[in-house]
Amino acid sequence: MGFIFFINPYLYAELEGANFENIAWLRSLGAALISVNGIGALLASSNPIKEKKLYDVVLLASCLETIALSWSTYSWEFSATIPWLIIVPLLMASLVSALLLIFRP
């Protein structure tokens, strides 16, 4: 998702039926997802015990992003018209956050 948000946020907005008014935040979110949740997770997973601090940063970012998405979904703060394009990523983020917590070194 991070690459789609970063490279072509308009594609995602078009798919979910959202408007294009405030698209800049989506591109910034994509950059954060790629750097922290993507590259950071790959680096931390190479040696979780040695990279415990980095693992914890990835875990914290994932949990905070999941909480924020849950809150926004509960309040339906989206201009999207296709709910499953919001709910499925929320479920996946929840699963990833839970697994990161369970398998924390």
PDB file of N, CA and C in Angstrom:
ATOM      1  N   MET A   1       0.814  -1.187   0.000  1.00  0.00           N
ATOM      2  CA  MET A   1       0.000   0.000   0.000  1.00  0.00           C
ATOM      3  C   MET A   1       0.864   1.260   0.000  1.00  0.00           C
ATOM      4  N   GLY A   2       1.977   1.195   0.724  1.00  0.00           N
ATOM      5  CA  GLY A   2       2.846   2.360   0.819  1.00  0.00           C
ATOM      6  C   GLY A   2       3.326   2.844  -0.535  1.00  0.00           C
ATOM      7  N   PHE A   3       3.695   1.886  -1.410  1.00  0.00           N
ATOM      8  CA  PHE A   3       4.173   2.272  -2.740  1.00  0.00           C
ATOM      9  C   PHE A   3       3.057   2.910  -3.565  1.00  0.00           C
ATOM     10  N   ILE A   4       1.862   2.384  -3.464  1.00  0.00           N
ATOM     11  CA  ILE A   4       0.735   2.972  -4.200  1.00  0.00           C
ATOM     12  C   ILE A   4       0.466   4.382  -3.683  1.00  0.00           C
ATOM     13  N   PHE A   5       0.432   4.542  -2.353  1.00  0.00           N
ATOM     14  CA  PHE A   5       0.192   5.863  -1.772  1.00  0.00           C
ATOM     15  C   PHE A   5       1.267   6.859  -2.202  1.00  0.00           C
ATOM     16  N   PHE A   6       2.528   6.406  -2.227  1.00  0.00           N
ATOM     17  CA  PHE A   6       3.645   7.299  -2.532  1.00  0.00           C
ATOM     18  C   PHE A   6       3.739   7.619  -4.024  1.00  0.00           C
ATOM     19  N   ILE A   7       3.683   6.595  -4.853  1.00  0.00           N
ATOM     20  CA  ILE A   7       3.875   6.777  -6.295  1.00  0.00           C
ATOM     21  C   ILE A   7       2.646   7.365  -6.985  1.00  0.00           C
ATOM     22  N   ASN A   8       1.466   6.833  -6.667  1.00  0.00           N
ATOM     23  CA  ASN A   8       0.265   7.278  -7.362  1.00  0.00           C
ATOM     24  C   ASN A   8      -0.940   7.305  -6.422  1.00  0.00           C
ATOM     25  N   PRO A   9      -0.993   8.274  -5.511  1.00  0.00           N
ATOM     26  CA  PRO A   9      -2.110   8.330  -4.573  1.00  0.00           C
ATOM     27  C   PRO A   9      -3.457   8.562  -5.265  1.00  0.00           C
ATOM     28  N   TYR A  10      -3.415   9.163  -6.435  1.00  0.00           N
ATOM     29  CA  TYR A  10      -4.659   9.403  -7.172  1.00  0.00           C
ATOM     30  C   TYR A  10      -5.318   8.091  -7.597  1.00  0.00           C
ATOM     31  N   LEU A  11      -4.508   7.090  -7.913  1.00  0.00           N
ATOM     32  CA  LEU A  11      -5.045   5.778  -8.283  1.00  0.00           C
ATOM     33  C   LEU A  11      -5.848   5.193  -7.127  1.00  0.00           C
ATOM     34  N   TYR A  12      -5.255   5.224  -5.936  1.00  0.00           N
ATOM     35  CA  TYR A  12      -5.950   4.685  -4.770  1.00  0.00           C
ATOM     36  C   TYR A  12      -7.227   5.472  -4.481  1.00  0.00           C
ATOM     37  N   ALA A  13      -7.133   6.797  -4.527  1.00  0.00           N
ATOM     38  CA  ALA A  13      -8.310   7.628  -4.274  1.00  0.00           C
ATOM     39  C   ALA A  13      -9.407   7.342  -5.294  1.00  0.00           C
ATOM     40  N   GLU A  14      -9.006   7.139  -6.537  1.00  0.00           N
ATOM     41  CA  GLU A  14      -9.982   6.828  -7.591  1.00  0.00           C
ATOM     42  C   GLU A  14     -10.627   5.463  -7.338  1.00  0.00           C
ATOM     43  N   LEU A  15      -9.824   4.475  -6.940  1.00  0.00           N
ATOM     44  CA  LEU A  15     -10.358   3.139  -6.668  1.00  0.00           C
ATOM     45  C   LEU A  15     -11.388   3.155  -5.545  1.00  0.00           C
ATOM     46  N   GLU A  16     -11.110   3.914  -4.495  1.00  0.00           N
ATOM     47  CA  GLU A  16     -12.015   3.914  -3.352  1.00  0.00           C
ATOM     48  C   GLU A  16     -13.123   4.949  -3.475  1.00  0.00           C
ATOM     49  N   GLY A  17     -13.117   5.708  -4.544  1.00  0.00           N
ATOM     50  CA  GLY A  17     -14.176   6.682  -4.766  1.00  0.00           C
ATOM     51  C   GLY A  17     -14.040   7.939  -3.934  1.00  0.00           C
ATOM     52  N   ALA A  18     -12.825   8.236  -3.499  1.00  0.00           N
ATOM     53  CA  ALA A  18     -12.582   9.434  -2.686  1.00  0.00           C
ATOM     54  C   ALA A  18     -12.329  10.634  -3.581  1.00  0.00           C
ATOM     55  N   ASN A  19     -12.417  11.820  -2.971  1.00  0.00           N
ATOM     56  CA  ASN A  19     -12.098  13.020  -3.744  1.00  0.00           C
ATOM     57  C   ASN A  19     -10.591  13.274  -3.680  1.00  0.00           C
ATOM     58  N   PHE A  20     -10.128  14.185  -4.512  1.00  0.00           N
ATOM     59  CA  PHE A  20      -8.689  14.456  -4.636  1.00  0.00           C
ATOM     60  C   PHE A  20      -8.274  15.738  -3.905  1.00  0.00           C
ATOM     61  N   GLU A  21      -9.119  16.295  -3.070  1.00  0.00           N
ATOM     62  CA  GLU A  21      -8.844  17.588  -2.453  1.00  0.00           C
ATOM     63  C   GLU A  21      -7.594  17.587  -1.575  1.00  0.00           C
ATOM     64  N   ASN A  22      -7.465  16.626  -0.683  1.00  0.00           N
ATOM     65  CA  ASN A  22      -6.356  16.601   0.267  1.00  0.00           C
ATOM     66  C   ASN A  22      -5.497  15.358   0.062  1.00  0.00           C
ATOM     67  N   ILE A  23      -4.932  15.224  -1.111  1.00  0.00           N
ATOM     68  CA  ILE A  23      -4.202  14.013  -1.471  1.00  0.00           C
ATOM     69  C   ILE A  23      -2.771  14.000  -0.945  1.00  0.00           C
ATOM     70  N   ALA A  24      -2.237  15.150  -0.562  1.00  0.00           N
ATOM     71  CA  ALA A  24      -0.841  15.242  -0.116  1.00  0.00           C
ATOM     72  C   ALA A  24      -0.563  14.357   1.096  1.00  0.00           C
ATOM     73  N   TRP A  25      -1.495  14.271   2.017  1.00  0.00           N
ATOM     74  CA  TRP A  25      -1.284  13.448   3.212  1.00  0.00           C
ATOM     75  C   TRP A  25      -1.115  11.982   2.849  1.00  0.00           C
ATOM     76  N   LEU A  26      -1.772  11.549   1.771  1.00  0.00           N
ATOM     77  CA  LEU A  26      -1.679  10.150   1.350  1.00  0.00           C
ATOM     78  C   LEU A  26      -0.275   9.843   0.828  1.00  0.00           C
ATOM     79  N   ARG A  27       0.306  10.757   0.079  1.00  0.00           N
ATOM     80  CA  ARG A  27       1.671  10.565  -0.417  1.00  0.00           C
ATOM     81  C   ARG A  27       2.669  10.545   0.751  1.00  0.00           C
ATOM     82  N   SER A  28       2.471  11.429   1.738  1.00  0.00           N
ATOM     83  CA  SER A  28       3.344  11.447   2.922  1.00  0.00           C
ATOM     84  C   SER A  28       3.207  10.158   3.726  1.00  0.00           C
ATOM     85  N   LEU A  29       1.992   9.672   3.860  1.00  0.00           N
ATOM     86  CA  LEU A  29       1.770   8.401   4.551  1.00  0.00           C
ATOM     87  C   LEU A  29       2.470   7.268   3.817  1.00  0.00           C
ATOM     88  N   GLY A  30       2.416   7.282   2.503  1.00  0.00           N
ATOM     89  CA  GLY A  30       3.105   6.266   1.708  1.00  0.00           C
ATOM     90  C   GLY A  30       4.597   6.267   1.967  1.00  0.00           C
ATOM     91  N   ALA A  31       5.187   7.449   2.044  1.00  0.00           N
ATOM     92  CA  ALA A  31       6.626   7.549   2.326  1.00  0.00           C
ATOM     93  C   ALA A  31       6.950   6.975   3.702  1.00  0.00           C
ATOM     94  N   ALA A  32       6.117   7.275   4.697  1.00  0.00           N
ATOM     95  CA  ALA A  32       6.340   6.746   6.048  1.00  0.00           C
ATOM     96  C   ALA A  32       6.182   5.233   6.073  1.00  0.00           C
ATOM     97  N   LEU A  33       5.188   4.721   5.382  1.00  0.00           N
ATOM     98  CA  LEU A  33       4.970   3.274   5.349  1.00  0.00           C
ATOM     99  C   LEU A  33       6.147   2.546   4.702  1.00  0.00           C
ATOM    100  N   ILE A  34       6.668   3.116   3.631  1.00  0.00           N
ATOM    101  CA  ILE A  34       7.809   2.494   2.951  1.00  0.00           C
ATOM    102  C   ILE A  34       9.034   2.507   3.858  1.00  0.00           C
ATOM    103  N   SER A  35       9.313   3.658   4.469  1.00  0.00           N
ATOM    104  CA  SER A  35      10.549   3.780   5.240  1.00  0.00           C
ATOM    105  C   SER A  35      10.495   3.021   6.565  1.00  0.00           C
ATOM    106  N   VAL A  36       9.519   3.306   7.390  1.00  0.00           N
ATOM    107  CA  VAL A  36       9.485   2.690   8.725  1.00  0.00           C
ATOM    108  C   VAL A  36       8.938   1.269   8.668  1.00  0.00           C
ATOM    109  N   ASN A  37       7.745   1.112   8.135  1.00  0.00           N
ATOM    110  CA  ASN A  37       7.107  -0.198   8.149  1.00  0.00           C
ATOM    111  C   ASN A  37       7.697  -1.151   7.120  1.00  0.00           C
ATOM    112  N   GLY A  38       8.270  -0.643   6.071  1.00  0.00           N
ATOM    113  CA  GLY A  38       8.862  -1.497   5.048  1.00  0.00           C
ATOM    114  C   GLY A  38      10.329  -1.767   5.293  1.00  0.00           C
ATOM    115  N   ILE A  39      11.161  -0.761   5.066  1.00  0.00           N
ATOM    116  CA  ILE A  39      12.612  -0.914   5.217  1.00  0.00           C
ATOM    117  C   ILE A  39      12.975  -1.209   6.664  1.00  0.00           C
ATOM    118  N   GLY A  40      12.368  -0.492   7.597  1.00  0.00           N
ATOM    119  CA  GLY A  40      12.644  -0.724   9.012  1.00  0.00           C
ATOM    120  C   GLY A  40      12.308  -2.144   9.431  1.00  0.00           C
ATOM    121  N   ALA A  41      11.171  -2.648   8.977  1.00  0.00           N
ATOM    122  CA  ALA A  41      10.773  -4.021   9.319  1.00  0.00           C
ATOM    123  C   ALA A  41      11.732  -5.044   8.717  1.00  0.00           C
ATOM    124  N   LEU A  42      12.177  -4.800   7.493  1.00  0.00           N
ATOM    125  CA  LEU A  42      13.141  -5.724   6.872  1.00  0.00           C
ATOM    126  C   LEU A  42      14.460  -5.740   7.635  1.00  0.00           C
ATOM    127  N   LEU A  43      14.938  -4.575   8.015  1.00  0.00           N
ATOM    128  CA  LEU A  43      16.192  -4.502   8.768  1.00  0.00           C
ATOM    129  C   LEU A  43      16.047  -5.153  10.147  1.00  0.00           C
ATOM    130  N   ALA A  44      14.939  -4.891  10.823  1.00  0.00           N
ATOM    131  CA  ALA A  44      14.726  -5.450  12.154  1.00  0.00           C
ATOM    132  C   ALA A  44      14.533  -6.958  12.106  1.00  0.00           C
ATOM    133  N   SER A  45      13.909  -7.458  11.060  1.00  0.00           N
ATOM    134  CA  SER A  45      13.651  -8.897  10.977  1.00  0.00           C
ATOM    135  C   SER A  45      14.908  -9.703  10.672  1.00  0.00           C
ATOM    136  N   SER A  46      15.946  -9.044  10.162  1.00  0.00           N
ATOM    137  CA  SER A  46      17.176  -9.768   9.851  1.00  0.00           C
ATOM    138  C   SER A  46      17.838 -10.307  11.112  1.00  0.00           C
ATOM    139  N   ASN A  47      17.707  -9.577  12.219  1.00  0.00           N
ATOM    140  CA  ASN A  47      18.250 -10.024  13.504  1.00  0.00           C
ATOM    141  C   ASN A  47      17.459  -9.322  14.610  1.00  0.00           C
ATOM    142  N   PRO A  48      16.252  -9.835  14.920  1.00  0.00           N
ATOM    143  CA  PRO A  48      15.358  -9.132  15.848  1.00  0.00           C
ATOM    144  C   PRO A  48      15.953  -8.866  17.233  1.00  0.00           C
ATOM    145  N   ILE A  49      16.777  -9.764  17.737  1.00  0.00           N
ATOM    146  CA  ILE A  49      17.346  -9.564  19.067  1.00  0.00           C
ATOM    147  C   ILE A  49      18.373  -8.427  19.048  1.00  0.00           C
ATOM    148  N   LYS A  50      19.235  -8.445  18.045  1.00  0.00           N
ATOM    149  CA  LYS A  50      20.247  -7.388  17.910  1.00  0.00           C
ATOM    150  C   LYS A  50      19.584  -6.049  17.568  1.00  0.00           C
ATOM    151  N   GLU A  51      18.547  -6.095  16.768  1.00  0.00           N
ATOM    152  CA  GLU A  51      17.867  -4.878  16.299  1.00  0.00           C
ATOM    153  C   GLU A  51      16.589  -4.624  17.101  1.00  0.00           C
ATOM    154  N   LYS A  52      16.598  -4.931  18.392  1.00  0.00           N
ATOM    155  CA  LYS A  52      15.390  -4.828  19.212  1.00  0.00           C
ATOM    156  C   LYS A  52      14.825  -3.406  19.252  1.00  0.00           C
ATOM    157  N   LYS A  53      15.680  -2.401  19.328  1.00  0.00           N
ATOM    158  CA  LYS A  53      15.194  -1.014  19.361  1.00  0.00           C
ATOM    159  C   LYS A  53      14.489  -0.651  18.059  1.00  0.00           C
ATOM    160  N   LEU A  54      15.083  -1.052  16.943  1.00  0.00           N
ATOM    161  CA  LEU A  54      14.449  -0.793  15.654  1.00  0.00           C
ATOM    162  C   LEU A  54      13.139  -1.563  15.552  1.00  0.00           C
ATOM    163  N   TYR A  55      13.134  -2.813  16.021  1.00  0.00           N
ATOM    164  CA  TYR A  55      11.918  -3.625  16.029  1.00  0.00           C
ATOM    165  C   TYR A  55      10.825  -2.896  16.823  1.00  0.00           C
ATOM    166  N   ASP A  56      11.196  -2.344  17.973  1.00  0.00           N
ATOM    167  CA  ASP A  56      10.226  -1.639  18.802  1.00  0.00           C
ATOM    168  C   ASP A  56       9.693  -0.376  18.119  1.00  0.00           C
ATOM    169  N   VAL A  57      10.537   0.300  17.353  1.00  0.00           N
ATOM    170  CA  VAL A  57      10.074   1.478  16.595  1.00  0.00           C
ATOM    171  C   VAL A  57       9.059   1.049  15.542  1.00  0.00           C
ATOM    172  N   VAL A  58       9.358  -0.035  14.834  1.00  0.00           N
ATOM    173  CA  VAL A  58       8.426  -0.555  13.823  1.00  0.00           C
ATOM    174  C   VAL A  58       7.125  -0.986  14.496  1.00  0.00           C
ATOM    175  N   LEU A  59       7.229  -1.663  15.634  1.00  0.00           N
ATOM    176  CA  LEU A  59       6.055  -2.102  16.392  1.00  0.00           C
ATOM    177  C   LEU A  59       5.212  -0.909  16.837  1.00  0.00           C
ATOM    178  N   LEU A  60       5.857   0.103  17.389  1.00  0.00           N
ATOM    179  CA  LEU A  60       5.137   1.296  17.839  1.00  0.00           C
ATOM    180  C   LEU A  60       4.445   1.998  16.668  1.00  0.00           C
ATOM    181  N   ALA A  61       5.163   2.159  15.558  1.00  0.00           N
ATOM    182  CA  ALA A  61       4.574   2.813  14.381  1.00  0.00           C
ATOM    183  C   ALA A  61       3.371   2.023  13.882  1.00  0.00           C
ATOM    184  N   SER A  62       3.508   0.711  13.812  1.00  0.00           N
ATOM    185  CA  SER A  62       2.419  -0.134  13.335  1.00  0.00           C
ATOM    186  C   SER A  62       1.202  -0.036  14.243  1.00  0.00           C
ATOM    187  N   CYS A  63       1.426  -0.105  15.544  1.00  0.00           N
ATOM    188  CA  CYS A  63       0.311  -0.035  16.493  1.00  0.00           C
ATOM    189  C   CYS A  63      -0.374   1.330  16.459  1.00  0.00           C
ATOM    190  N   LEU A  64       0.410   2.406  16.430  1.00  0.00           N
ATOM    191  CA  LEU A  64      -0.180   3.747  16.378  1.00  0.00           C
ATOM    192  C   LEU A  64      -0.951   3.972  15.075  1.00  0.00           C
ATOM    193  N   GLU A  65      -0.403   3.506  13.967  1.00  0.00           N
ATOM    194  CA  GLU A  65      -1.100   3.642  12.689  1.00  0.00           C
ATOM    195  C   GLU A  65      -2.396   2.843  12.685  1.00  0.00           C
ATOM    196  N   THR A  66      -2.369   1.659  13.298  1.00  0.00           N
ATOM    197  CA  THR A  66      -3.576   0.831  13.371  1.00  0.00           C
ATOM    198  C   THR A  66      -4.629   1.488  14.262  1.00  0.00           C
ATOM    199  N   ILE A  67      -4.204   2.046  15.384  1.00  0.00           N
ATOM    200  CA  ILE A  67      -5.141   2.752  16.269  1.00  0.00           C
ATOM    201  C   ILE A  67      -5.757   3.945  15.546  1.00  0.00           C
ATOM    202  N   ALA A  68      -4.917   4.704  14.843  1.00  0.00           N
ATOM    203  CA  ALA A  68      -5.417   5.871  14.107  1.00  0.00           C
ATOM    204  C   ALA A  68      -6.402   5.458  13.018  1.00  0.00           C
ATOM    205  N   LEU A  69      -6.081   4.391  12.289  1.00  0.00           N
ATOM    206  CA  LEU A  69      -6.986   3.924  11.236  1.00  0.00           C
ATOM    207  C   LEU A  69      -8.284   3.397  11.839  1.00  0.00           C
ATOM    208  N   SER A  70      -8.183   2.731  12.983  1.00  0.00           N
ATOM    209  CA  SER A  70      -9.398   2.245  13.662  1.00  0.00           C
ATOM    210  C   SER A  70     -10.293   3.416  14.062  1.00  0.00           C
ATOM    211  N   TRP A  71      -9.687   4.428  14.639  1.00  0.00           N
ATOM    212  CA  TRP A  71     -10.419   5.618  15.076  1.00  0.00           C
ATOM    213  C   TRP A  71     -11.092   6.302  13.877  1.00  0.00           C
ATOM    214  N   SER A  72     -10.323   6.476  12.821  1.00  0.00           N
ATOM    215  CA  SER A  72     -10.874   7.130  11.627  1.00  0.00           C
ATOM    216  C   SER A  72     -11.966   6.290  10.975  1.00  0.00           C
ATOM    217  N   THR A  73     -11.826   4.978  11.046  1.00  0.00           N
ATOM    218  CA  THR A  73     -12.854   4.105  10.481  1.00  0.00           C
ATOM    219  C   THR A  73     -14.116   4.162  11.332  1.00  0.00           C
ATOM    220  N   TYR A  74     -13.950   4.117  12.646  1.00  0.00           N
ATOM    221  CA  TYR A  74     -15.105   4.205  13.551  1.00  0.00           C
ATOM    222  C   TYR A  74     -15.864   5.511  13.328  1.00  0.00           C
ATOM    223  N   SER A  75     -15.133   6.605  13.166  1.00  0.00           N
ATOM    224  CA  SER A  75     -15.747   7.922  12.953  1.00  0.00           C
ATOM    225  C   SER A  75     -16.092   8.159  11.485  1.00  0.00           C
ATOM    226  N   TRP A  76     -15.676   7.285  10.627  1.00  0.00           N
ATOM    227  CA  TRP A  76     -15.777   7.375   9.161  1.00  0.00           C
ATOM    228  C   TRP A  76     -15.375   8.759   8.671  1.00  0.00           C
ATOM    229  N   GLU A  77     -14.084   9.036   8.857  1.00  0.00           N
ATOM    230  CA  GLU A  77     -13.509  10.323   8.474  1.00  0.00           C
ATOM    231  C   GLU A  77     -12.958  10.295   7.044  1.00  0.00           C
ATOM    232  N   PHE A  78     -13.545   9.487   6.222  1.00  0.00           N
ATOM    233  CA  PHE A  78     -13.059   9.304   4.852  1.00  0.00           C
ATOM    234  C   PHE A  78     -14.063   9.851   3.856  1.00  0.00           C
ATOM    235  N   SER A  79     -13.551  10.255   2.712  1.00  0.00           N
ATOM    236  CA  SER A  79     -14.451  10.621   1.615  1.00  0.00           C
ATOM    237  C   SER A  79     -14.678   9.404   0.709  1.00  0.00           C
ATOM    238  N   ALA A  80     -14.112   8.273   1.092  1.00  0.00           N
ATOM    239  CA  ALA A  80     -14.245   7.046   0.298  1.00  0.00           C
ATOM    240  C   ALA A  80     -15.691   6.580   0.264  1.00  0.00           C
ATOM    241  N   THR A  81     -16.042   5.956  -0.839  1.00  0.00           N
ATOM    242  CA  THR A  81     -17.402   5.428  -0.992  1.00  0.00           C
ATOM    243  C   THR A  81     -17.416   3.906  -1.050  1.00  0.00           C
ATOM    244  N   ILE A  82     -16.262   3.276  -1.006  1.00  0.00           N
ATOM    245  CA  ILE A  82     -16.166   1.811  -1.045  1.00  0.00           C
ATOM    246  C   ILE A  82     -15.564   1.358   0.289  1.00  0.00           C
ATOM    247  N   PRO A  83     -16.402   1.012   1.252  1.00  0.00           N
ATOM    248  CA  PRO A  83     -15.919   0.718   2.607  1.00  0.00           C
ATOM    249  C   PRO A  83     -14.889  -0.405   2.709  1.00  0.00           C
ATOM    250  N   TRP A  84     -14.989  -1.430   1.893  1.00  0.00           N
ATOM    251  CA  TRP A  84     -14.050  -2.555   2.041  1.00  0.00           C
ATOM    252  C   TRP A  84     -12.622  -2.154   1.730  1.00  0.00           C
ATOM    253  N   LEU A  85     -12.413  -1.089   0.959  1.00  0.00           N
ATOM    254  CA  LEU A  85     -11.054  -0.617   0.684  1.00  0.00           C
ATOM    255  C   LEU A  85     -10.446   0.083   1.891  1.00  0.00           C
ATOM    256  N   ILE A  86     -11.249   0.356   2.894  1.00  0.00           N
ATOM    257  CA  ILE A  86     -10.757   0.892   4.163  1.00  0.00           C
ATOM    258  C   ILE A  86     -10.692  -0.232   5.200  1.00  0.00           C
ATOM    259  N   ILE A  87     -11.730  -1.048   5.243  1.00  0.00           N
ATOM    260  CA  ILE A  87     -11.852  -2.077   6.278  1.00  0.00           C
ATOM    261  C   ILE A  87     -10.845  -3.207   6.098  1.00  0.00           C
ATOM    262  N   VAL A  88     -10.602  -3.653   4.878  1.00  0.00           N
ATOM    263  CA  VAL A  88      -9.624  -4.742   4.653  1.00  0.00           C
ATOM    264  C   VAL A  88      -8.216  -4.312   5.085  1.00  0.00           C
ATOM    265  N   PRO A  89      -7.722  -3.137   4.682  1.00  0.00           N
ATOM    266  CA  PRO A  89      -6.411  -2.709   5.189  1.00  0.00           C
ATOM    267  C   PRO A  89      -6.389  -2.576   6.721  1.00  0.00           C
ATOM    268  N   LEU A  90      -7.505  -2.165   7.319  1.00  0.00           N
ATOM    269  CA  LEU A  90      -7.568  -2.080   8.780  1.00  0.00           C
ATOM    270  C   LEU A  90      -7.407  -3.463   9.397  1.00  0.00           C
ATOM    271  N   LEU A  91      -8.074  -4.452   8.850  1.00  0.00           N
ATOM    272  CA  LEU A  91      -7.949  -5.819   9.364  1.00  0.00           C
ATOM    273  C   LEU A  91      -6.525  -6.345   9.186  1.00  0.00           C
ATOM    274  N   MET A  92      -5.922  -6.060   8.041  1.00  0.00           N
ATOM    275  CA  MET A  92      -4.545  -6.504   7.799  1.00  0.00           C
ATOM    276  C   MET A  92      -3.576  -5.802   8.753  1.00  0.00           C
ATOM    277  N   ALA A  93      -3.763  -4.507   8.962  1.00  0.00           N
ATOM    278  CA  ALA A  93      -2.900  -3.757   9.886  1.00  0.00           C
ATOM    279  C   ALA A  93      -3.056  -4.284  11.306  1.00  0.00           C
ATOM    280  N   SER A  94      -4.272  -4.620  11.684  1.00  0.00           N
ATOM    281  CA  SER A  94      -4.511  -5.178  13.020  1.00  0.00           C
ATOM    282  C   SER A  94      -3.794  -6.508  13.183  1.00  0.00           C
ATOM    283  N   LEU A  95      -3.855  -7.347  12.163  1.00  0.00           N
ATOM    284  CA  LEU A  95      -3.171  -8.639  12.201  1.00  0.00           C
ATOM    285  C   LEU A  95      -1.662  -8.462  12.314  1.00  0.00           C
ATOM    286  N   VAL A  96      -1.100  -7.580  11.507  1.00  0.00           N
ATOM    287  CA  VAL A  96       0.346  -7.328  11.544  1.00  0.00           C
ATOM    288  C   VAL A  96       0.765  -6.797  12.910  1.00  0.00           C
ATOM    289  N   SER A  97       0.027  -5.843  13.445  1.00  0.00           N
ATOM    290  CA  SER A  97       0.364  -5.290  14.761  1.00  0.00           C
ATOM    291  C   SER A  97       0.299  -6.368  15.840  1.00  0.00           C
ATOM    292  N   ALA A  98      -0.727  -7.197  15.787  1.00  0.00           N
ATOM    293  CA  ALA A  98      -0.859  -8.283  16.768  1.00  0.00           C
ATOM    294  C   ALA A  98       0.303  -9.263  16.653  1.00  0.00           C
ATOM    295  N   LEU A  99       0.675  -9.616  15.428  1.00  0.00           N
ATOM    296  CA  LEU A  99       1.793 -10.544  15.235  1.00  0.00           C
ATOM    297  C   LEU A  99       3.116  -9.939  15.693  1.00  0.00           C
ATOM    298  N   LEU A 100       3.309  -8.663  15.436  1.00  0.00           N
ATOM    299  CA  LEU A 100       4.521  -8.001  15.912  1.00  0.00           C
ATOM    300  C   LEU A 100       4.597  -8.025  17.445  1.00  0.00           C
ATOM    301  N   LEU A 101       3.445  -7.827  18.092  1.00  0.00           N
ATOM    302  CA  LEU A 101       3.404  -7.890  19.563  1.00  0.00           C
ATOM    303  C   LEU A 101       3.675  -9.313  20.071  1.00  0.00           C
ATOM    304  N   ILE A 102       3.044 -10.283  19.449  1.00  0.00           N
ATOM    305  CA  ILE A 102       3.189 -11.682  19.879  1.00  0.00           C
ATOM    306  C   ILE A 102       4.621 -12.162  19.722  1.00  0.00           C
ATOM    307  N   PHE A 103       5.248 -11.827  18.611  1.00  0.00           N
ATOM    308  CA  PHE A 103       6.590 -12.327  18.312  1.00  0.00           C
ATOM    309  C   PHE A 103       7.706 -11.351  18.694  1.00  0.00           C
ATOM    310  N   ARG A 104       7.387 -10.374  19.529  1.00  0.00           N
ATOM    311  CA  ARG A 104       8.396  -9.402  19.951  1.00  0.00           C
ATOM    312  C   ARG A 104       9.528 -10.121  20.689  1.00  0.00           C
ATOM    313  N   PRO A 105      10.790  -9.867  20.291  1.00  0.00           N
ATOM    314  CA  PRO A 105      11.905 -10.554  20.948  1.00  0.00           C
ATOM    315  C   PRO A 105      12.131 -10.072  22.388  1.00  0.00           C
TER     316      PRO A 105
END
